Amino acid sequence: MGGALRPWHLIVLLIVLILVFGASKLPEIAKNIGQSAKVMKKEMRELTEDDQPKNPQIDQAGTDQVSQPQNAPQPDAGQSQNGTQPPEGRS
């Protein structure tokens, strides 16, 4: 017995769909599902394009140029990243 989808499963599913929605509604439902899939595919493509980084500027040595903010405060040597003092005896 396995969990494989057999051809008769599809036939039974089609018969149930015809009984529930009627034969005249099935083409309209299929069209709407197709349009929804197309929109979802387009949105997923746009999301993956947004996630990809733009081409970084590369200097003559071949290393990436990363610009640091000019006015960014630098943490003191005795402070952690969130600006609090570390507990005594630990660094």
N, C-alpha and C. Protein backbone atom coordinates (compact mmCIF):
# COMPACT_ATOMS: atom_id res chain seq x y z
N MET A 1 0.87 -1.17 0.00
CA MET A 1 0.00 0.00 0.00
C MET A 1 0.90 1.21 0.00
N GLY A 2 1.31 1.93 -0.25
CA GLY A 2 2.15 3.10 -0.08
C GLY A 2 1.36 4.38 -0.16
N GLY A 3 2.02 5.40 0.04
CA GLY A 3 1.39 6.71 0.01
C GLY A 3 1.44 7.35 -1.37
N ALA A 4 1.72 6.52 -2.38
CA ALA A 4 1.85 7.06 -3.74
C ALA A 4 0.49 7.47 -4.29
N LEU A 5 0.50 8.52 -5.08
CA LEU A 5 -0.72 9.00 -5.73
C LEU A 5 -0.95 8.15 -6.98
N ARG A 6 -2.06 7.49 -7.03
CA ARG A 6 -2.38 6.61 -8.14
C ARG A 6 -3.36 7.31 -9.09
N PRO A 7 -3.44 6.87 -10.34
CA PRO A 7 -4.35 7.51 -11.29
C PRO A 7 -5.81 7.53 -10.83
N TRP A 8 -6.25 6.49 -10.14
CA TRP A 8 -7.64 6.46 -9.70
C TRP A 8 -7.91 7.48 -8.61
N HIS A 9 -6.85 7.89 -7.87
CA HIS A 9 -7.02 8.97 -6.88
C HIS A 9 -7.42 10.26 -7.59
N LEU A 10 -6.76 10.54 -8.71
CA LEU A 10 -7.06 11.75 -9.46
C LEU A 10 -8.47 11.72 -10.04
N ILE A 11 -8.90 10.54 -10.49
CA ILE A 11 -10.25 10.40 -11.04
C ILE A 11 -11.30 10.65 -9.96
N VAL A 12 -11.09 10.07 -8.79
CA VAL A 12 -12.02 10.28 -7.68
C VAL A 12 -12.04 11.76 -7.29
N LEU A 13 -10.89 12.39 -7.24
CA LEU A 13 -10.82 13.80 -6.89
C LEU A 13 -11.57 14.66 -7.91
N LEU A 14 -11.40 14.37 -9.19
CA LEU A 14 -12.10 15.11 -10.24
C LEU A 14 -13.61 14.94 -10.12
N ILE A 15 -14.07 13.74 -9.84
CA ILE A 15 -15.52 13.49 -9.68
C ILE A 15 -16.06 14.28 -8.49
N VAL A 16 -15.33 14.29 -7.38
CA VAL A 16 -15.76 15.04 -6.21
C VAL A 16 -15.81 16.53 -6.52
N LEU A 17 -14.81 17.05 -7.23
CA LEU A 17 -14.81 18.47 -7.58
C LEU A 17 -15.99 18.82 -8.48
N ILE A 18 -16.31 17.97 -9.42
CA ILE A 18 -17.46 18.22 -10.30
C ILE A 18 -18.76 18.21 -9.50
N LEU A 19 -18.88 17.30 -8.56
CA LEU A 19 -20.09 17.24 -7.74
C LEU A 19 -20.22 18.46 -6.82
N VAL A 20 -19.10 18.92 -6.27
CA VAL A 20 -19.15 20.04 -5.34
C VAL A 20 -19.33 21.37 -6.06
N PHE A 21 -18.56 21.64 -7.08
CA PHE A 21 -18.58 22.95 -7.73
C PHE A 21 -19.41 22.99 -9.00
N GLY A 22 -19.65 21.89 -9.62
CA GLY A 22 -20.37 21.88 -10.89
C GLY A 22 -19.39 22.02 -12.04
N ALA A 23 -19.74 21.43 -13.17
CA ALA A 23 -18.84 21.41 -14.33
C ALA A 23 -18.61 22.79 -14.91
N SER A 24 -19.58 23.69 -14.78
CA SER A 24 -19.42 25.03 -15.37
C SER A 24 -18.45 25.91 -14.58
N LYS A 25 -18.27 25.65 -13.31
CA LYS A 25 -17.38 26.47 -12.47
C LYS A 25 -15.92 26.02 -12.51
N LEU A 26 -15.65 24.79 -12.90
CA LEU A 26 -14.29 24.27 -12.86
C LEU A 26 -13.31 25.05 -13.74
N PRO A 27 -13.65 25.43 -14.97
CA PRO A 27 -12.69 26.22 -15.76
C PRO A 27 -12.38 27.58 -15.11
N GLU A 28 -13.38 28.20 -14.51
CA GLU A 28 -13.18 29.49 -13.84
C GLU A 28 -12.26 29.32 -12.62
N ILE A 29 -12.47 28.27 -11.87
CA ILE A 29 -11.63 28.00 -10.70
C ILE A 29 -10.19 27.72 -11.14
N ALA A 30 -10.02 26.93 -12.19
CA ALA A 30 -8.66 26.63 -12.69
C ALA A 30 -7.97 27.90 -13.17
N LYS A 31 -8.71 28.79 -13.83
CA LYS A 31 -8.14 30.05 -14.30
C LYS A 31 -7.68 30.90 -13.12
N ASN A 32 -8.50 30.99 -12.10
CA ASN A 32 -8.14 31.78 -10.92
C ASN A 32 -6.92 31.20 -10.20
N ILE A 33 -6.85 29.90 -10.12
CA ILE A 33 -5.69 29.25 -9.49
C ILE A 33 -4.43 29.54 -10.31
N GLY A 34 -4.54 29.47 -11.63
CA GLY A 34 -3.39 29.77 -12.49
C GLY A 34 -2.91 31.20 -12.35
N GLN A 35 -3.85 32.15 -12.28
CA GLN A 35 -3.48 33.55 -12.10
C GLN A 35 -2.82 33.77 -10.75
N SER A 36 -3.35 33.13 -9.71
CA SER A 36 -2.76 33.26 -8.37
C SER A 36 -1.34 32.69 -8.34
N ALA A 37 -1.14 31.56 -8.99
CA ALA A 37 0.20 30.96 -9.04
C ALA A 37 1.16 31.86 -9.79
N LYS A 38 0.69 32.50 -10.86
CA LYS A 38 1.54 33.41 -11.63
C LYS A 38 1.96 34.61 -10.79
N VAL A 39 1.01 35.20 -10.04
CA VAL A 39 1.31 36.35 -9.19
C VAL A 39 2.28 35.94 -8.08
N MET A 40 2.05 34.77 -7.48
CA MET A 40 2.94 34.31 -6.41
C MET A 40 4.35 34.08 -6.93
N LYS A 41 4.47 33.50 -8.12
CA LYS A 41 5.79 33.26 -8.71
C LYS A 41 6.51 34.58 -8.97
N LYS A 42 5.78 35.58 -9.46
CA LYS A 42 6.36 36.90 -9.72
C LYS A 42 6.84 37.55 -8.43
N GLU A 43 6.03 37.48 -7.38
CA GLU A 43 6.41 38.05 -6.09
C GLU A 43 7.62 37.35 -5.50
N MET A 44 7.69 36.03 -5.62
CA MET A 44 8.84 35.29 -5.11
C MET A 44 10.10 35.68 -5.86
N ARG A 45 10.00 35.86 -7.18
CA ARG A 45 11.15 36.27 -7.98
C ARG A 45 11.62 37.66 -7.53
N GLU A 46 10.68 38.58 -7.29
CA GLU A 46 11.05 39.93 -6.86
C GLU A 46 11.69 39.90 -5.48
N LEU A 47 11.20 39.05 -4.59
CA LEU A 47 11.79 38.95 -3.25
C LEU A 47 13.23 38.42 -3.32
N THR A 48 13.47 37.43 -4.17
CA THR A 48 14.84 36.90 -4.27
C THR A 48 15.76 37.92 -4.91
N GLU A 49 15.25 38.74 -5.84
CA GLU A 49 16.08 39.79 -6.43
C GLU A 49 16.40 40.86 -5.41
N ASP A 50 15.46 41.16 -4.50
CA ASP A 50 15.69 42.16 -3.46
C ASP A 50 16.71 41.67 -2.44
N ASP A 51 16.74 40.35 -2.18
CA ASP A 51 17.66 39.79 -1.21
C ASP A 51 19.09 39.74 -1.71
N GLN A 52 19.29 39.68 -3.02
CA GLN A 52 20.63 39.58 -3.57
C GLN A 52 21.32 40.94 -3.44
N PRO A 53 22.56 40.96 -2.91
CA PRO A 53 23.27 42.23 -2.76
C PRO A 53 23.64 42.82 -4.11
N LYS A 54 23.68 44.13 -4.14
CA LYS A 54 24.11 44.82 -5.35
C LYS A 54 25.61 44.60 -5.53
N ASN A 55 26.13 44.86 -6.71
CA ASN A 55 27.55 44.68 -6.97
C ASN A 55 28.34 45.68 -6.14
N PRO A 56 29.16 45.22 -5.19
CA PRO A 56 29.97 46.14 -4.39
C PRO A 56 31.08 46.75 -5.24
N GLN A 57 31.48 47.95 -4.86
CA GLN A 57 32.59 48.58 -5.57
C GLN A 57 33.87 47.88 -5.16
N ILE A 58 34.69 47.55 -6.14
CA ILE A 58 35.94 46.85 -5.87
C ILE A 58 37.09 47.75 -6.27
N ASP A 59 38.06 47.92 -5.34
CA ASP A 59 39.20 48.78 -5.64
C ASP A 59 40.23 48.02 -6.47
N GLN A 60 41.35 48.66 -6.74
CA GLN A 60 42.37 48.09 -7.62
C GLN A 60 42.97 46.81 -7.04
N ALA A 61 43.03 46.69 -5.70
CA ALA A 61 43.63 45.50 -5.09
C ALA A 61 42.68 44.30 -5.12
N GLY A 62 41.42 44.53 -5.48
CA GLY A 62 40.48 43.42 -5.57
C GLY A 62 39.72 43.19 -4.28
N THR A 63 39.84 44.06 -3.31
CA THR A 63 39.10 43.91 -2.06
C THR A 63 37.88 44.80 -2.08
N ASP A 64 36.88 44.40 -1.34
CA ASP A 64 35.65 45.19 -1.27
C ASP A 64 35.90 46.46 -0.47
N GLN A 65 35.32 47.55 -0.94
CA GLN A 65 35.38 48.80 -0.20
C GLN A 65 34.13 48.89 0.64
N VAL A 66 34.30 48.90 1.95
CA VAL A 66 33.18 49.01 2.85
C VAL A 66 33.27 50.37 3.51
N SER A 67 32.26 51.18 3.30
CA SER A 67 32.29 52.52 3.88
C SER A 67 31.77 52.46 5.31
N GLN A 68 32.49 53.06 6.22
CA GLN A 68 32.10 53.14 7.61
C GLN A 68 31.39 54.47 7.83
N PRO A 69 30.36 54.50 8.65
CA PRO A 69 29.72 55.77 8.94
C PRO A 69 30.70 56.73 9.60
N GLN A 70 30.68 57.98 9.17
CA GLN A 70 31.64 58.97 9.66
C GLN A 70 31.41 59.32 11.13
N ASN A 71 30.17 59.41 11.56
CA ASN A 71 29.86 59.86 12.92
C ASN A 71 29.50 58.72 13.86
N ALA A 72 29.84 57.50 13.52
CA ALA A 72 29.49 56.37 14.37
C ALA A 72 30.39 56.34 15.59
N PRO A 73 29.80 56.29 16.79
CA PRO A 73 30.62 56.24 18.00
C PRO A 73 31.30 54.89 18.13
N GLN A 74 32.54 54.91 18.55
CA GLN A 74 33.29 53.68 18.75
C GLN A 74 33.20 53.29 20.22
N PRO A 75 32.96 52.01 20.52
CA PRO A 75 32.88 51.60 21.92
C PRO A 75 34.26 51.68 22.58
N ASP A 76 34.25 52.06 23.87
CA ASP A 76 35.50 52.12 24.62
C ASP A 76 36.01 50.71 24.86
N ALA A 77 37.30 50.63 25.19
CA ALA A 77 37.91 49.31 25.39
C ALA A 77 37.28 48.59 26.58
N GLY A 78 36.80 49.32 27.59
CA GLY A 78 36.22 48.70 28.78
C GLY A 78 34.72 48.49 28.66
N GLN A 79 34.12 48.82 27.54
CA GLN A 79 32.68 48.66 27.40
C GLN A 79 32.37 47.57 26.37
N SER A 80 31.23 46.93 26.57
CA SER A 80 30.80 45.93 25.59
C SER A 80 30.08 46.63 24.45
N GLN A 81 29.59 45.88 23.50
CA GLN A 81 28.95 46.44 22.31
C GLN A 81 27.69 47.23 22.67
N ASN A 82 26.95 46.86 23.71
CA ASN A 82 25.72 47.56 24.03
C ASN A 82 25.96 48.74 24.97
N GLY A 83 27.21 49.07 25.27
CA GLY A 83 27.53 50.25 26.05
C GLY A 83 27.56 50.04 27.55
N THR A 84 27.42 48.82 28.04
CA THR A 84 27.44 48.58 29.48
C THR A 84 28.80 48.04 29.88
N GLN A 85 29.15 48.24 31.11
CA GLN A 85 30.41 47.74 31.64
C GLN A 85 30.32 46.24 31.84
N PRO A 86 31.37 45.49 31.50
CA PRO A 86 31.35 44.04 31.76
C PRO A 86 31.45 43.79 33.26
N PRO A 87 30.95 42.65 33.73
CA PRO A 87 31.05 42.33 35.15
C PRO A 87 32.50 42.25 35.58
N GLU A 88 32.73 42.57 36.86
CA GLU A 88 34.09 42.52 37.40
C GLU A 88 34.64 41.11 37.31
N GLY A 89 35.90 41.00 36.98
CA GLY A 89 36.55 39.71 36.89
C GLY A 89 36.36 39.03 35.55
N ARG A 90 35.56 39.61 34.70
CA ARG A 90 35.36 39.04 33.36
C ARG A 90 35.68 40.10 32.33
N SER A 91 36.10 39.66 31.16
CA SER A 91 36.37 40.64 30.10
C SER A 91 35.66 40.28 28.84
